[in-house]
Amino acid sequence: RFFIGAVFGALISYGIYIYIYGSLYERVLEENFELQS
């Protein structure tokens, strides 16, 4: 149970990390396009 919990926790935290990184990267790209314009 501990190992399965650790694997699922790692997968969930990796998903949350990818989501946060994607939203921040999207904001950065949007700001970059605005600044270029």
PDB file of all heavy atoms in Angstrom:
ATOM      1  N   ARG A   1       0.844  -1.208   0.000  1.00  0.00           N
ATOM      2  CA  ARG A   1       0.000   0.000   0.000  1.00  0.00           C
ATOM      3  C   ARG A   1       0.878   1.257   0.000  1.00  0.00           C
ATOM      4  O   ARG A   1       0.560   2.247  -0.670  1.00  0.00           O
ATOM      5  CB  ARG A   1      -0.921  -0.006   1.218  1.00  0.00           C
ATOM      6  CG  ARG A   1      -2.028  -0.993   1.096  1.00  0.00           C
ATOM      7  CD  ARG A   1      -2.939  -0.897   2.303  1.00  0.00           C
ATOM      8  NE  ARG A   1      -3.932  -1.950   2.231  1.00  0.00           N
ATOM      9  CZ  ARG A   1      -4.559  -2.456   3.265  1.00  0.00           C
ATOM     10  NH1 ARG A   1      -4.284  -1.985   4.468  1.00  0.00           N
ATOM     11  NH2 ARG A   1      -5.432  -3.392   3.119  1.00  0.00           N
ATOM     12  N   PHE A   2       1.939   1.234   0.774  1.00  0.00           N
ATOM     13  CA  PHE A   2       2.835   2.396   0.809  1.00  0.00           C
ATOM     14  C   PHE A   2       3.441   2.658  -0.564  1.00  0.00           C
ATOM     15  O   PHE A   2       3.469   3.806  -1.033  1.00  0.00           O
ATOM     16  CB  PHE A   2       3.943   2.171   1.855  1.00  0.00           C
ATOM     17  CG  PHE A   2       4.995   3.231   1.831  1.00  0.00           C
ATOM     18  CD1 PHE A   2       4.745   4.482   2.376  1.00  0.00           C
ATOM     19  CD2 PHE A   2       6.236   2.982   1.256  1.00  0.00           C
ATOM     20  CE1 PHE A   2       5.720   5.459   2.342  1.00  0.00           C
ATOM     21  CE2 PHE A   2       7.204   3.959   1.217  1.00  0.00           C
ATOM     22  CZ  PHE A   2       6.958   5.207   1.768  1.00  0.00           C
ATOM     23  N   PHE A   3       3.942   1.611  -1.213  1.00  0.00           N
ATOM     24  CA  PHE A   3       4.557   1.802  -2.540  1.00  0.00           C
ATOM     25  C   PHE A   3       3.530   2.242  -3.572  1.00  0.00           C
ATOM     26  O   PHE A   3       3.795   3.118  -4.399  1.00  0.00           O
ATOM     27  CB  PHE A   3       5.261   0.513  -2.995  1.00  0.00           C
ATOM     28  CG  PHE A   3       6.542   0.255  -2.281  1.00  0.00           C
ATOM     29  CD1 PHE A   3       6.822  -1.001  -1.742  1.00  0.00           C
ATOM     30  CD2 PHE A   3       7.488   1.261  -2.139  1.00  0.00           C
ATOM     31  CE1 PHE A   3       8.015  -1.238  -1.092  1.00  0.00           C
ATOM     32  CE2 PHE A   3       8.684   1.013  -1.481  1.00  0.00           C
ATOM     33  CZ  PHE A   3       8.941  -0.237  -0.954  1.00  0.00           C
ATOM     34  N   ILE A   4       2.345   1.662  -3.548  1.00  0.00           N
ATOM     35  CA  ILE A   4       1.288   2.069  -4.489  1.00  0.00           C
ATOM     36  C   ILE A   4       0.872   3.513  -4.208  1.00  0.00           C
ATOM     37  O   ILE A   4       0.682   4.309  -5.120  1.00  0.00           O
ATOM     38  CB  ILE A   4       0.087   1.103  -4.408  1.00  0.00           C
ATOM     39  CG1 ILE A   4       0.479  -0.234  -5.010  1.00  0.00           C
ATOM     40  CG2 ILE A   4      -1.114   1.673  -5.131  1.00  0.00           C
ATOM     41  CD1 ILE A   4      -0.566  -1.307  -4.883  1.00  0.00           C
ATOM     42  N   GLY A   5       0.763   3.862  -2.936  1.00  0.00           N
ATOM     43  CA  GLY A   5       0.427   5.251  -2.578  1.00  0.00           C
ATOM     44  C   GLY A   5       1.510   6.232  -3.036  1.00  0.00           C
ATOM     45  O   GLY A   5       1.231   7.334  -3.508  1.00  0.00           O
ATOM     46  N   ALA A   6       2.762   5.806  -2.870  1.00  0.00           N
ATOM     47  CA  ALA A   6       3.866   6.658  -3.304  1.00  0.00           C
ATOM     48  C   ALA A   6       3.844   6.839  -4.817  1.00  0.00           C
ATOM     49  O   ALA A   6       4.063   7.935  -5.334  1.00  0.00           O
ATOM     50  CB  ALA A   6       5.196   6.072  -2.850  1.00  0.00           C
ATOM     51  N   VAL A   7       3.556   5.768  -5.574  1.00  0.00           N
ATOM     52  CA  VAL A   7       3.494   5.867  -7.044  1.00  0.00           C
ATOM     53  C   VAL A   7       2.325   6.764  -7.448  1.00  0.00           C
ATOM     54  O   VAL A   7       2.481   7.652  -8.298  1.00  0.00           O
ATOM     55  CB  VAL A   7       3.384   4.452  -7.677  1.00  0.00           C
ATOM     56  CG1 VAL A   7       3.025   4.532  -9.145  1.00  0.00           C
ATOM     57  CG2 VAL A   7       4.681   3.691  -7.490  1.00  0.00           C
ATOM     58  N   PHE A   8       1.146   6.527  -6.866  1.00  0.00           N
ATOM     59  CA  PHE A   8      -0.006   7.366  -7.207  1.00  0.00           C
ATOM     60  C   PHE A   8       0.217   8.823  -6.774  1.00  0.00           C
ATOM     61  O   PHE A   8      -0.140   9.762  -7.500  1.00  0.00           O
ATOM     62  CB  PHE A   8      -1.298   6.815  -6.583  1.00  0.00           C
ATOM     63  CG  PHE A   8      -1.893   5.683  -7.338  1.00  0.00           C
ATOM     64  CD1 PHE A   8      -2.179   4.484  -6.689  1.00  0.00           C
ATOM     65  CD2 PHE A   8      -2.186   5.790  -8.689  1.00  0.00           C
ATOM     66  CE1 PHE A   8      -2.735   3.424  -7.374  1.00  0.00           C
ATOM     67  CE2 PHE A   8      -2.739   4.726  -9.372  1.00  0.00           C
ATOM     68  CZ  PHE A   8      -3.014   3.538  -8.722  1.00  0.00           C
ATOM     69  N   GLY A   9       0.807   9.013  -5.627  1.00  0.00           N
ATOM     70  CA  GLY A   9       1.126  10.378  -5.176  1.00  0.00           C
ATOM     71  C   GLY A   9       2.101  11.060  -6.122  1.00  0.00           C
ATOM     72  O   GLY A   9       1.957  12.253  -6.432  1.00  0.00           O
ATOM     73  N   ALA A  10       3.090  10.324  -6.578  1.00  0.00           N
ATOM     74  CA  ALA A  10       4.057  10.891  -7.527  1.00  0.00           C
ATOM     75  C   ALA A  10       3.367  11.241  -8.841  1.00  0.00           C
ATOM     76  O   ALA A  10       3.620  12.308  -9.434  1.00  0.00           O
ATOM     77  CB  ALA A  10       5.197   9.909  -7.771  1.00  0.00           C
ATOM     78  N   LEU A  11       2.461  10.343  -9.321  1.00  0.00           N
ATOM     79  CA  LEU A  11       1.732  10.626 -10.560  1.00  0.00           C
ATOM     80  C   LEU A  11       0.815  11.850 -10.414  1.00  0.00           C
ATOM     81  O   LEU A  11       0.752  12.721 -11.306  1.00  0.00           O
ATOM     82  CB  LEU A  11       0.922   9.399 -10.999  1.00  0.00           C
ATOM     83  CG  LEU A  11       1.723   8.213 -11.520  1.00  0.00           C
ATOM     84  CD1 LEU A  11       0.813   7.027 -11.780  1.00  0.00           C
ATOM     85  CD2 LEU A  11       2.467   8.597 -12.782  1.00  0.00           C
ATOM     86  N   ILE A  12       0.115  11.940  -9.306  1.00  0.00           N
ATOM     87  CA  ILE A  12      -0.781  13.076  -9.064  1.00  0.00           C
ATOM     88  C   ILE A  12       0.030  14.367  -8.935  1.00  0.00           C
ATOM     89  O   ILE A  12      -0.307  15.407  -9.531  1.00  0.00           O
ATOM     90  CB  ILE A  12      -1.664  12.825  -7.819  1.00  0.00           C
ATOM     91  CG1 ILE A  12      -2.680  11.724  -8.126  1.00  0.00           C
ATOM     92  CG2 ILE A  12      -2.378  14.108  -7.400  1.00  0.00           C
ATOM     93  CD1 ILE A  12      -3.465  11.265  -6.915  1.00  0.00           C
ATOM     94  N   SER A  13       1.120  14.323  -8.157  1.00  0.00           N
ATOM     95  CA  SER A  13       1.938  15.535  -8.003  1.00  0.00           C
ATOM     96  C   SER A  13       2.579  15.925  -9.335  1.00  0.00           C
ATOM     97  O   SER A  13       2.707  17.112  -9.644  1.00  0.00           O
ATOM     98  CB  SER A  13       2.991  15.350  -6.923  1.00  0.00           C
ATOM     99  OG  SER A  13       3.908  14.335  -7.303  1.00  0.00           O
ATOM    100  N   TYR A  14       2.972  14.952 -10.152  1.00  0.00           N
ATOM    101  CA  TYR A  14       3.528  15.247 -11.475  1.00  0.00           C
ATOM    102  C   TYR A  14       2.460  15.896 -12.369  1.00  0.00           C
ATOM    103  O   TYR A  14       2.735  16.865 -13.076  1.00  0.00           O
ATOM    104  CB  TYR A  14       4.068  13.969 -12.124  1.00  0.00           C
ATOM    105  CG  TYR A  14       4.714  14.211 -13.469  1.00  0.00           C
ATOM    106  CD1 TYR A  14       5.957  14.820 -13.564  1.00  0.00           C
ATOM    107  CD2 TYR A  14       4.066  13.845 -14.647  1.00  0.00           C
ATOM    108  CE1 TYR A  14       6.542  15.053 -14.792  1.00  0.00           C
ATOM    109  CE2 TYR A  14       4.640  14.074 -15.880  1.00  0.00           C
ATOM    110  CZ  TYR A  14       5.879  14.677 -15.959  1.00  0.00           C
ATOM    111  OH  TYR A  14       6.462  14.901 -17.174  1.00  0.00           O
ATOM    112  N   GLY A  15       1.229  15.400 -12.293  1.00  0.00           N
ATOM    113  CA  GLY A  15       0.125  16.004 -13.059  1.00  0.00           C
ATOM    114  C   GLY A  15      -0.132  17.439 -12.614  1.00  0.00           C
ATOM    115  O   GLY A  15      -0.341  18.344 -13.443  1.00  0.00           O
ATOM    116  N   ILE A  16      -0.161  17.669 -11.294  1.00  0.00           N
ATOM    117  CA  ILE A  16      -0.360  19.037 -10.774  1.00  0.00           C
ATOM    118  C   ILE A  16       0.802  19.934 -11.202  1.00  0.00           C
ATOM    119  O   ILE A  16       0.593  21.077 -11.624  1.00  0.00           O
ATOM    120  CB  ILE A  16      -0.519  19.001  -9.239  1.00  0.00           C
ATOM    121  CG1 ILE A  16      -1.837  18.335  -8.862  1.00  0.00           C
ATOM    122  CG2 ILE A  16      -0.468  20.414  -8.661  1.00  0.00           C
ATOM    123  CD1 ILE A  16      -2.007  18.074  -7.371  1.00  0.00           C
ATOM    124  N   TYR A  17       2.015  19.405 -11.133  1.00  0.00           N
ATOM    125  CA  TYR A  17       3.191  20.182 -11.549  1.00  0.00           C
ATOM    126  C   TYR A  17       3.099  20.563 -13.027  1.00  0.00           C
ATOM    127  O   TYR A  17       3.356  21.714 -13.391  1.00  0.00           O
ATOM    128  CB  TYR A  17       4.464  19.369 -11.278  1.00  0.00           C
ATOM    129  CG  TYR A  17       5.713  20.025 -11.800  1.00  0.00           C
ATOM    130  CD1 TYR A  17       6.284  21.090 -11.136  1.00  0.00           C
ATOM    131  CD2 TYR A  17       6.310  19.572 -12.975  1.00  0.00           C
ATOM    132  CE1 TYR A  17       7.420  21.705 -11.634  1.00  0.00           C
ATOM    133  CE2 TYR A  17       7.443  20.176 -13.477  1.00  0.00           C
ATOM    134  CZ  TYR A  17       8.004  21.245 -12.807  1.00  0.00           C
ATOM    135  OH  TYR A  17       9.128  21.839 -13.298  1.00  0.00           O
ATOM    136  N   ILE A  18       2.707  19.616 -13.879  1.00  0.00           N
ATOM    137  CA  ILE A  18       2.571  19.896 -15.314  1.00  0.00           C
ATOM    138  C   ILE A  18       1.466  20.931 -15.554  1.00  0.00           C
ATOM    139  O   ILE A  18       1.614  21.841 -16.377  1.00  0.00           O
ATOM    140  CB  ILE A  18       2.281  18.595 -16.102  1.00  0.00           C
ATOM    141  CG1 ILE A  18       3.489  17.681 -16.068  1.00  0.00           C
ATOM    142  CG2 ILE A  18       1.883  18.883 -17.538  1.00  0.00           C
ATOM    143  CD1 ILE A  18       4.699  18.238 -16.767  1.00  0.00           C
ATOM    144  N   TYR A  19       0.352  20.840 -14.824  1.00  0.00           N
ATOM    145  CA  TYR A  19      -0.735  21.799 -14.975  1.00  0.00           C
ATOM    146  C   TYR A  19      -0.283  23.211 -14.589  1.00  0.00           C
ATOM    147  O   TYR A  19      -0.523  24.179 -15.310  1.00  0.00           O
ATOM    148  CB  TYR A  19      -1.946  21.372 -14.127  1.00  0.00           C
ATOM    149  CG  TYR A  19      -3.036  22.401 -14.112  1.00  0.00           C
ATOM    150  CD1 TYR A  19      -3.870  22.575 -15.208  1.00  0.00           C
ATOM    151  CD2 TYR A  19      -3.226  23.222 -13.000  1.00  0.00           C
ATOM    152  CE1 TYR A  19      -4.866  23.533 -15.197  1.00  0.00           C
ATOM    153  CE2 TYR A  19      -4.214  24.177 -12.982  1.00  0.00           C
ATOM    154  CZ  TYR A  19      -5.033  24.333 -14.086  1.00  0.00           C
ATOM    155  OH  TYR A  19      -6.000  25.284 -14.069  1.00  0.00           O
ATOM    156  N   ILE A  20       0.361  23.347 -13.436  1.00  0.00           N
ATOM    157  CA  ILE A  20       0.827  24.662 -12.975  1.00  0.00           C
ATOM    158  C   ILE A  20       1.873  25.216 -13.942  1.00  0.00           C
ATOM    159  O   ILE A  20       1.837  26.392 -14.319  1.00  0.00           O
ATOM    160  CB  ILE A  20       1.379  24.567 -11.532  1.00  0.00           C
ATOM    161  CG1 ILE A  20       0.240  24.288 -10.549  1.00  0.00           C
ATOM    162  CG2 ILE A  20       2.109  25.851 -11.148  1.00  0.00           C
ATOM    163  CD1 ILE A  20       0.705  24.013  -9.133  1.00  0.00           C
ATOM    164  N   TYR A  21       2.809  24.359 -14.354  1.00  0.00           N
ATOM    165  CA  TYR A  21       3.839  24.785 -15.300  1.00  0.00           C
ATOM    166  C   TYR A  21       3.206  25.241 -16.623  1.00  0.00           C
ATOM    167  O   TYR A  21       3.579  26.276 -17.181  1.00  0.00           O
ATOM    168  CB  TYR A  21       4.822  23.641 -15.544  1.00  0.00           C
ATOM    169  CG  TYR A  21       5.890  23.974 -16.563  1.00  0.00           C
ATOM    170  CD1 TYR A  21       6.966  24.769 -16.219  1.00  0.00           C
ATOM    171  CD2 TYR A  21       5.803  23.508 -17.875  1.00  0.00           C
ATOM    172  CE1 TYR A  21       7.944  25.087 -17.153  1.00  0.00           C
ATOM    173  CE2 TYR A  21       6.769  23.816 -18.813  1.00  0.00           C
ATOM    174  CZ  TYR A  21       7.844  24.604 -18.449  1.00  0.00           C
ATOM    175  OH  TYR A  21       8.805  24.914 -19.366  1.00  0.00           O
ATOM    176  N   GLY A  22       2.216  24.505 -17.110  1.00  0.00           N
ATOM    177  CA  GLY A  22       1.534  24.858 -18.359  1.00  0.00           C
ATOM    178  C   GLY A  22       0.797  26.179 -18.250  1.00  0.00           C
ATOM    179  O   GLY A  22       0.865  27.027 -19.158  1.00  0.00           O
ATOM    180  N   SER A  23       0.092  26.393 -17.138  1.00  0.00           N
ATOM    181  CA  SER A  23      -0.651  27.657 -16.988  1.00  0.00           C
ATOM    182  C   SER A  23       0.310  28.831 -16.843  1.00  0.00           C
ATOM    183  O   SER A  23       0.083  29.903 -17.426  1.00  0.00           O
ATOM    184  CB  SER A  23      -1.608  27.577 -15.798  1.00  0.00           C
ATOM    185  OG  SER A  23      -0.889  27.418 -14.588  1.00  0.00           O
ATOM    186  N   LEU A  24       1.391  28.660 -16.090  1.00  0.00           N
ATOM    187  CA  LEU A  24       2.371  29.743 -15.965  1.00  0.00           C
ATOM    188  C   LEU A  24       3.072  30.004 -17.293  1.00  0.00           C
ATOM    189  O   LEU A  24       3.306  31.152 -17.673  1.00  0.00           O
ATOM    190  CB  LEU A  24       3.394  29.405 -14.879  1.00  0.00           C
ATOM    191  CG  LEU A  24       2.900  29.463 -13.442  1.00  0.00           C
ATOM    192  CD1 LEU A  24       4.001  29.023 -12.478  1.00  0.00           C
ATOM    193  CD2 LEU A  24       2.414  30.849 -13.091  1.00  0.00           C
ATOM    194  N   TYR A  25       3.406  28.947 -18.016  1.00  0.00           N
ATOM    195  CA  TYR A  25       4.058  29.107 -19.314  1.00  0.00           C
ATOM    196  C   TYR A  25       3.114  29.795 -20.306  1.00  0.00           C
ATOM    197  O   TYR A  25       3.539  30.624 -21.113  1.00  0.00           O
ATOM    198  CB  TYR A  25       4.507  27.739 -19.846  1.00  0.00           C
ATOM    199  CG  TYR A  25       5.420  27.842 -21.029  1.00  0.00           C
ATOM    200  CD1 TYR A  25       6.732  28.263 -20.873  1.00  0.00           C
ATOM    201  CD2 TYR A  25       4.973  27.518 -22.304  1.00  0.00           C
ATOM    202  CE1 TYR A  25       7.580  28.366 -21.956  1.00  0.00           C
ATOM    203  CE2 TYR A  25       5.811  27.626 -23.396  1.00  0.00           C
ATOM    204  CZ  TYR A  25       7.112  28.044 -23.221  1.00  0.00           C
ATOM    205  OH  TYR A  25       7.952  28.150 -24.296  1.00  0.00           O
ATOM    206  N   GLU A  26       1.826  29.457 -20.209  1.00  0.00           N
ATOM    207  CA  GLU A  26       0.838  30.115 -21.074  1.00  0.00           C
ATOM    208  C   GLU A  26       0.772  31.614 -20.775  1.00  0.00           C
ATOM    209  O   GLU A  26       0.729  32.443 -21.683  1.00  0.00           O
ATOM    210  CB  GLU A  26      -0.532  29.459 -20.857  1.00  0.00           C
ATOM    211  CG  GLU A  26      -1.626  30.030 -21.732  1.00  0.00           C
ATOM    212  CD  GLU A  26      -2.961  29.346 -21.469  1.00  0.00           C
ATOM    213  OE1 GLU A  26      -3.020  28.376 -20.701  1.00  0.00           O
ATOM    214  OE2 GLU A  26      -3.951  29.808 -22.055  1.00  0.00           O
ATOM    215  N   ARG A  27       0.779  31.989 -19.487  1.00  0.00           N
ATOM    216  CA  ARG A  27       0.781  33.402 -19.108  1.00  0.00           C
ATOM    217  C   ARG A  27       2.039  34.115 -19.611  1.00  0.00           C
ATOM    218  O   ARG A  27       1.984  35.237 -20.089  1.00  0.00           O
ATOM    219  CB  ARG A  27       0.680  33.551 -17.589  1.00  0.00           C
ATOM    220  CG  ARG A  27      -0.702  33.440 -17.075  1.00  0.00           C
ATOM    221  CD  ARG A  27      -0.765  33.915 -15.630  1.00  0.00           C
ATOM    222  NE  ARG A  27      -1.622  32.981 -14.895  1.00  0.00           N
ATOM    223  CZ  ARG A  27      -1.483  32.671 -13.637  1.00  0.00           C
ATOM    224  NH1 ARG A  27      -0.516  33.194 -12.934  1.00  0.00           N
ATOM    225  NH2 ARG A  27      -2.312  31.831 -13.062  1.00  0.00           N
ATOM    226  N   VAL A  28       3.176  33.432 -19.471  1.00  0.00           N
ATOM    227  CA  VAL A  28       4.435  34.016 -19.934  1.00  0.00           C
ATOM    228  C   VAL A  28       4.403  34.216 -21.447  1.00  0.00           C
ATOM    229  O   VAL A  28       4.825  35.266 -21.960  1.00  0.00           O
ATOM    230  CB  VAL A  28       5.635  33.155 -19.496  1.00  0.00           C
ATOM    231  CG1 VAL A  28       6.910  33.568 -20.205  1.00  0.00           C
ATOM    232  CG2 VAL A  28       5.826  33.235 -17.998  1.00  0.00           C
ATOM    233  N   LEU A  29       3.907  33.235 -22.181  1.00  0.00           N
ATOM    234  CA  LEU A  29       3.806  33.367 -23.640  1.00  0.00           C
ATOM    235  C   LEU A  29       2.854  34.504 -24.035  1.00  0.00           C
ATOM    236  O   LEU A  29       3.148  35.303 -24.934  1.00  0.00           O
ATOM    237  CB  LEU A  29       3.329  32.056 -24.273  1.00  0.00           C
ATOM    238  CG  LEU A  29       4.370  30.973 -24.455  1.00  0.00           C
ATOM    239  CD1 LEU A  29       3.738  29.719 -25.028  1.00  0.00           C
ATOM    240  CD2 LEU A  29       5.467  31.461 -25.374  1.00  0.00           C
ATOM    241  N   GLU A  30       1.726  34.598 -23.341  1.00  0.00           N
ATOM    242  CA  GLU A  30       0.765  35.668 -23.616  1.00  0.00           C
ATOM    243  C   GLU A  30       1.397  37.033 -23.346  1.00  0.00           C
ATOM    244  O   GLU A  30       1.272  37.962 -24.155  1.00  0.00           O
ATOM    245  CB  GLU A  30      -0.475  35.467 -22.749  1.00  0.00           C
ATOM    246  CG  GLU A  30      -1.564  36.484 -22.975  1.00  0.00           C
ATOM    247  CD  GLU A  30      -2.770  36.221 -22.078  1.00  0.00           C
ATOM    248  OE1 GLU A  30      -2.963  35.090 -21.616  1.00  0.00           O
ATOM    249  OE2 GLU A  30      -3.508  37.189 -21.846  1.00  0.00           O
ATOM    250  N   GLU A  31       2.078  37.159 -22.222  1.00  0.00           N
ATOM    251  CA  GLU A  31       2.757  38.415 -21.890  1.00  0.00           C
ATOM    252  C   GLU A  31       3.854  38.731 -22.901  1.00  0.00           C
ATOM    253  O   GLU A  31       4.026  39.881 -23.303  1.00  0.00           O
ATOM    254  CB  GLU A  31       3.343  38.322 -20.483  1.00  0.00           C
ATOM    255  CG  GLU A  31       3.983  39.601 -19.987  1.00  0.00           C
ATOM    256  CD  GLU A  31       4.504  39.445 -18.567  1.00  0.00           C
ATOM    257  OE1 GLU A  31       3.902  38.691 -17.779  1.00  0.00           O
ATOM    258  OE2 GLU A  31       5.523  40.092 -18.264  1.00  0.00           O
ATOM    259  N   ASN A  32       4.579  37.700 -23.347  1.00  0.00           N
ATOM    260  CA  ASN A  32       5.628  37.880 -24.345  1.00  0.00           C
ATOM    261  C   ASN A  32       5.038  38.397 -25.658  1.00  0.00           C
ATOM    262  O   ASN A  32       5.585  39.316 -26.274  1.00  0.00           O
ATOM    263  CB  ASN A  32       6.372  36.560 -24.562  1.00  0.00           C
ATOM    264  CG  ASN A  32       7.589  36.721 -25.441  1.00  0.00           C
ATOM    265  OD1 ASN A  32       8.052  37.818 -25.675  1.00  0.00           O
ATOM    266  ND2 ASN A  32       8.103  35.605 -25.920  1.00  0.00           N
ATOM    267  N   PHE A  33       3.914  37.816 -26.098  1.00  0.00           N
ATOM    268  CA  PHE A  33       3.276  38.284 -27.327  1.00  0.00           C
ATOM    269  C   PHE A  33       2.777  39.725 -27.187  1.00  0.00           C
ATOM    270  O   PHE A  33       2.896  40.523 -28.114  1.00  0.00           O
ATOM    271  CB  PHE A  33       2.123  37.364 -27.729  1.00  0.00           C
ATOM    272  CG  PHE A  33       2.570  36.047 -28.299  1.00  0.00           C
ATOM    273  CD1 PHE A  33       1.970  34.858 -27.910  1.00  0.00           C
ATOM    274  CD2 PHE A  33       3.599  35.979 -29.232  1.00  0.00           C
ATOM    275  CE1 PHE A  33       2.383  33.653 -28.426  1.00  0.00           C
ATOM    276  CE2 PHE A  33       4.014  34.778 -29.757  1.00  0.00           C
ATOM    277  CZ  PHE A  33       3.405  33.606 -29.349  1.00  0.00           C
ATOM    278  N   GLU A  34       2.210  40.053 -26.025  1.00  0.00           N
ATOM    279  CA  GLU A  34       1.756  41.426 -25.789  1.00  0.00           C
ATOM    280  C   GLU A  34       2.930  42.404 -25.839  1.00  0.00           C
ATOM    281  O   GLU A  34       2.839  43.474 -26.437  1.00  0.00           O
ATOM    282  CB  GLU A  34       1.047  41.529 -24.436  1.00  0.00           C
ATOM    283  CG  GLU A  34      -0.318  40.894 -24.397  1.00  0.00           C
ATOM    284  CD  GLU A  34      -0.935  40.931 -23.007  1.00  0.00           C
ATOM    285  OE1 GLU A  34      -0.320  41.510 -22.079  1.00  0.00           O
ATOM    286  OE2 GLU A  34      -2.029  40.367 -22.851  1.00  0.00           O
ATOM    287  N   LEU A  35       4.035  42.031 -25.194  1.00  0.00           N
ATOM    288  CA  LEU A  35       5.210  42.897 -25.193  1.00  0.00           C
ATOM    289  C   LEU A  35       5.804  43.033 -26.591  1.00  0.00           C
ATOM    290  O   LEU A  35       6.243  44.125 -26.982  1.00  0.00           O
ATOM    291  CB  LEU A  35       6.260  42.376 -24.213  1.00  0.00           C
ATOM    292  CG  LEU A  35       5.924  42.535 -22.729  1.00  0.00           C
ATOM    293  CD1 LEU A  35       6.996  41.866 -21.876  1.00  0.00           C
ATOM    294  CD2 LEU A  35       5.764  43.983 -22.351  1.00  0.00           C
ATOM    295  N   GLN A  36       5.805  41.938 -27.371  1.00  0.00           N
ATOM    296  CA  GLN A  36       6.292  42.019 -28.748  1.00  0.00           C
ATOM    297  C   GLN A  36       5.404  42.930 -29.583  1.00  0.00           C
ATOM    298  O   GLN A  36       5.896  43.729 -30.386  1.00  0.00           O
ATOM    299  CB  GLN A  36       6.361  40.626 -29.383  1.00  0.00           C
ATOM    300  CG  GLN A  36       7.534  39.811 -28.924  1.00  0.00           C
ATOM    301  CD  GLN A  36       7.555  38.437 -29.572  1.00  0.00           C
ATOM    302  OE1 GLN A  36       6.586  38.012 -30.194  1.00  0.00           O
ATOM    303  NE2 GLN A  36       8.669  37.737 -29.404  1.00  0.00           N
ATOM    304  N   SER A  37       4.094  42.824 -29.383  1.00  0.00           N
ATOM    305  CA  SER A  37       3.161  43.687 -30.108  1.00  0.00           C
ATOM    306  C   SER A  37       3.365  45.144 -29.714  1.00  0.00           C
ATOM    307  O   SER A  37       3.404  46.040 -30.569  1.00  0.00           O
ATOM    308  CB  SER A  37       1.731  43.258 -29.798  1.00  0.00           C
ATOM    309  OG  SER A  37       0.816  44.160 -30.345  1.00  0.00           O
TER     310      SER A  37
END
